[in-house]
């Protein structure tokens, strides 16, 4: 399908990328780069406002990107049954990189809220799981779960921690 959509013969495509698995890896890498750009664009520049606005505004921006590029996010978070292990491995690797980038921000937020006793690594993992689920429900039922509703939920969680 890739060769047909690009207007090339299969042999041309496979000669340039090697094999089916390598083609998949290249395509997934491209979509992951787009997703990571979306995540980076959703993060405000330093200095941050308060943790509540950081999370709420970040979620709003990210979920707007999800609506603009749903195929990218479906590939990453809702892969088809039987997706090759290489896809999961690449997604897991990107998730770990994102966790490493977010953990200092989460730690800052917890300290700002007077909640430094909460484990920042565990809180970061919980935040990632919550954001991934927000993306999934945005993809599966966008009318029921608009970005504003999910962002307000995130703000409310931060207020409760405070």
Protein backbone atom coordinates (compact mmCIF):
# COMPACT_ATOMS: atom_id res chain seq x y z
CA UNK A 1 0.00 0.00 0.00
CA UNK A 2 2.87 2.38 0.76
CA UNK A 3 4.41 1.89 -2.68
CA UNK A 4 1.03 2.24 -4.40
CA UNK A 5 0.17 5.44 -2.48
CA UNK A 6 3.59 6.90 -3.27
CA UNK A 7 3.34 5.92 -6.93
CA UNK A 8 6.40 3.65 -6.84
CA UNK A 9 6.95 -0.01 -7.55
CA UNK A 10 7.34 -2.18 -4.44
CA UNK A 11 10.88 -3.04 -5.47
CA UNK A 12 11.85 0.65 -5.43
CA UNK A 13 10.46 1.10 -1.93
CA UNK A 14 12.02 -2.06 -0.53
CA UNK A 15 15.35 -1.35 -2.23
CA UNK A 16 15.51 1.97 -0.39
CA UNK A 17 14.50 0.66 3.06
CA UNK A 18 15.50 -3.00 3.05
CA UNK A 19 12.47 -5.03 4.08
CA UNK A 20 8.94 -4.80 5.43
CA UNK A 21 10.09 -4.47 9.05
CA UNK A 22 12.52 -1.69 8.20
CA UNK A 23 9.83 0.13 6.21
CA UNK A 24 7.52 -0.09 9.22
CA UNK A 25 10.28 1.19 11.49
CA UNK A 26 10.88 4.19 9.20
CA UNK A 27 7.17 5.01 9.02
CA UNK A 28 6.69 4.65 12.77
CA UNK A 29 9.77 6.78 13.45
CA UNK A 30 8.35 9.53 11.26
CA UNK A 31 5.04 9.48 13.11
CA UNK A 32 6.76 9.36 16.50
CA UNK A 33 8.80 12.42 15.54
CA UNK A 34 5.57 14.22 14.70
CA UNK A 35 4.05 13.15 18.02
CA UNK A 36 7.12 14.29 19.96
CA UNK A 37 6.98 17.66 18.17
CA UNK A 38 3.33 17.90 19.24
CA UNK A 39 4.30 17.12 22.84
CA UNK A 40 7.14 19.66 22.77
CA UNK A 41 4.84 22.32 21.31
CA UNK A 42 2.33 21.68 24.10
CA UNK A 43 4.95 22.49 26.75
CA UNK A 44 5.13 26.18 27.68
CA UNK A 45 8.43 27.99 27.65
CA UNK A 46 10.29 28.72 30.86
CA UNK A 47 9.44 30.15 33.26
CA UNK A 48 6.31 28.10 33.78
CA UNK A 49 3.19 29.52 35.35
CA UNK A 50 1.70 27.45 38.14
CA UNK A 51 1.38 23.66 37.94
CA UNK A 52 -2.39 23.89 37.39
CA UNK A 53 -2.08 26.02 34.26
CA UNK A 54 0.95 24.07 33.09
CA UNK A 55 -1.04 20.84 33.04
CA UNK A 56 -4.33 22.34 31.84
CA UNK A 57 -2.84 24.40 29.03
CA UNK A 58 -0.47 21.60 28.06
CA UNK A 59 -3.34 19.11 27.80
CA UNK A 60 -5.42 21.54 25.75
CA UNK A 61 -2.57 22.10 23.27
CA UNK A 62 -1.66 18.42 23.06
CA UNK A 63 -5.24 17.24 22.54
CA UNK A 64 -5.67 19.87 19.84
CA UNK A 65 -2.70 18.28 18.05
CA UNK A 66 -4.24 14.84 18.56
CA UNK A 67 -7.38 16.05 16.77
CA UNK A 68 -5.28 17.49 13.94
CA UNK A 69 -3.19 14.32 13.48
CA UNK A 70 -5.36 11.43 14.69
CA UNK A 71 -3.65 8.82 12.48
CA UNK A 72 -0.30 9.55 14.12
CA UNK A 73 -1.69 9.10 17.61
CA UNK A 74 -3.73 6.01 16.70
CA UNK A 75 -0.60 4.34 15.37
CA UNK A 76 1.25 5.07 18.61
CA UNK A 77 -1.43 4.49 21.25
CA UNK A 78 -4.03 2.34 19.50
CA UNK A 79 -2.00 0.01 17.27
CA UNK A 80 -3.84 -2.59 15.23
CA UNK A 81 -4.07 -6.12 16.55
CA UNK A 82 -1.06 -8.06 15.40
CA UNK A 83 1.17 -5.00 15.17
CA UNK A 84 4.79 -6.14 15.06
CA UNK A 85 6.84 -6.02 18.26
CA UNK A 86 9.13 -3.41 16.70
CA UNK A 87 6.26 -0.91 16.92
CA UNK A 88 5.74 -1.51 20.65
CA UNK A 89 9.48 -1.39 21.32
CA UNK A 90 9.84 1.97 19.59
CA UNK A 91 6.82 3.41 21.40
CA UNK A 92 8.12 2.16 24.75
CA UNK A 93 11.52 3.72 24.07
CA UNK A 94 9.92 7.08 23.24
CA UNK A 95 7.73 6.87 26.33
CA UNK A 96 10.80 6.37 28.52
CA UNK A 97 12.54 9.36 26.92
CA UNK A 98 9.46 11.47 27.56
CA UNK A 99 9.30 10.27 31.17
CA UNK A 100 12.90 11.34 31.69
CA UNK A 101 12.12 14.79 30.27
CA UNK A 102 8.94 15.24 32.31
CA UNK A 103 10.16 14.00 35.68
CA UNK A 104 12.05 17.22 36.61
CA UNK A 105 8.97 19.26 35.68
CA UNK A 106 6.73 17.00 37.77
CA UNK A 107 9.19 17.27 40.65
CA UNK A 108 9.11 21.06 40.36
CA UNK A 109 5.30 20.99 40.33
CA UNK A 110 5.12 18.80 43.41
CA UNK A 111 7.58 21.03 45.27
CA UNK A 112 5.65 24.13 44.19
CA UNK A 113 2.45 22.59 45.54
CA UNK A 114 4.09 21.66 48.84
CA UNK A 115 3.81 17.97 47.96
CA UNK A 116 7.50 17.07 47.75
CA UNK A 117 6.76 13.91 49.75
CA UNK A 118 5.07 12.43 46.66
CA UNK A 119 7.47 10.27 44.63
CA UNK A 120 8.20 12.27 41.46
CA UNK A 121 9.05 9.21 39.36
CA UNK A 122 5.80 7.45 40.27
CA UNK A 123 3.85 10.69 39.79
CA UNK A 124 5.41 11.10 36.33
CA UNK A 125 4.40 7.56 35.36
CA UNK A 126 0.87 8.23 36.63
CA UNK A 127 0.74 11.49 34.69
CA UNK A 128 1.91 9.78 31.49
CA UNK A 129 -0.74 7.07 31.91
CA UNK A 130 -3.41 9.72 32.47
CA UNK A 131 -2.33 11.76 29.44
CA UNK A 132 -2.15 8.64 27.24
CA UNK A 133 -5.67 7.73 28.34
CA UNK A 134 -6.85 11.28 27.60
CA UNK A 135 -5.45 10.87 24.08
CA UNK A 136 -7.15 7.48 23.66
CA UNK A 137 -10.58 8.76 24.71
CA UNK A 138 -10.10 11.86 22.55
CA UNK A 139 -9.49 9.55 19.58
CA UNK A 140 -12.34 7.16 20.37
CA UNK A 141 -15.04 9.64 21.46
CA UNK A 142 -14.00 13.26 20.80
CA UNK A 143 -17.51 14.69 21.18
CA UNK A 144 -17.94 13.14 24.62
CA UNK A 145 -14.42 14.06 25.76
CA UNK A 146 -13.50 17.49 24.36
CA UNK A 147 -10.07 18.88 25.20
CA UNK A 148 -11.55 21.50 27.53
CA UNK A 149 -13.25 18.84 29.67
CA UNK A 150 -10.05 16.81 29.99
CA UNK A 151 -7.94 19.91 30.69
CA UNK A 152 -10.33 20.96 33.46
CA UNK A 153 -10.04 17.47 34.93
CA UNK A 154 -6.25 17.87 34.96
CA UNK A 155 -6.54 21.27 36.63
CA UNK A 156 -8.90 19.83 39.25
CA UNK A 157 -6.42 17.04 40.04
CA UNK A 158 -3.66 19.58 40.58
CA UNK A 159 -5.92 21.64 42.86
CA UNK A 160 -6.60 18.52 44.95
CA UNK A 161 -2.90 17.80 45.36
CA UNK A 162 -2.42 21.41 46.50
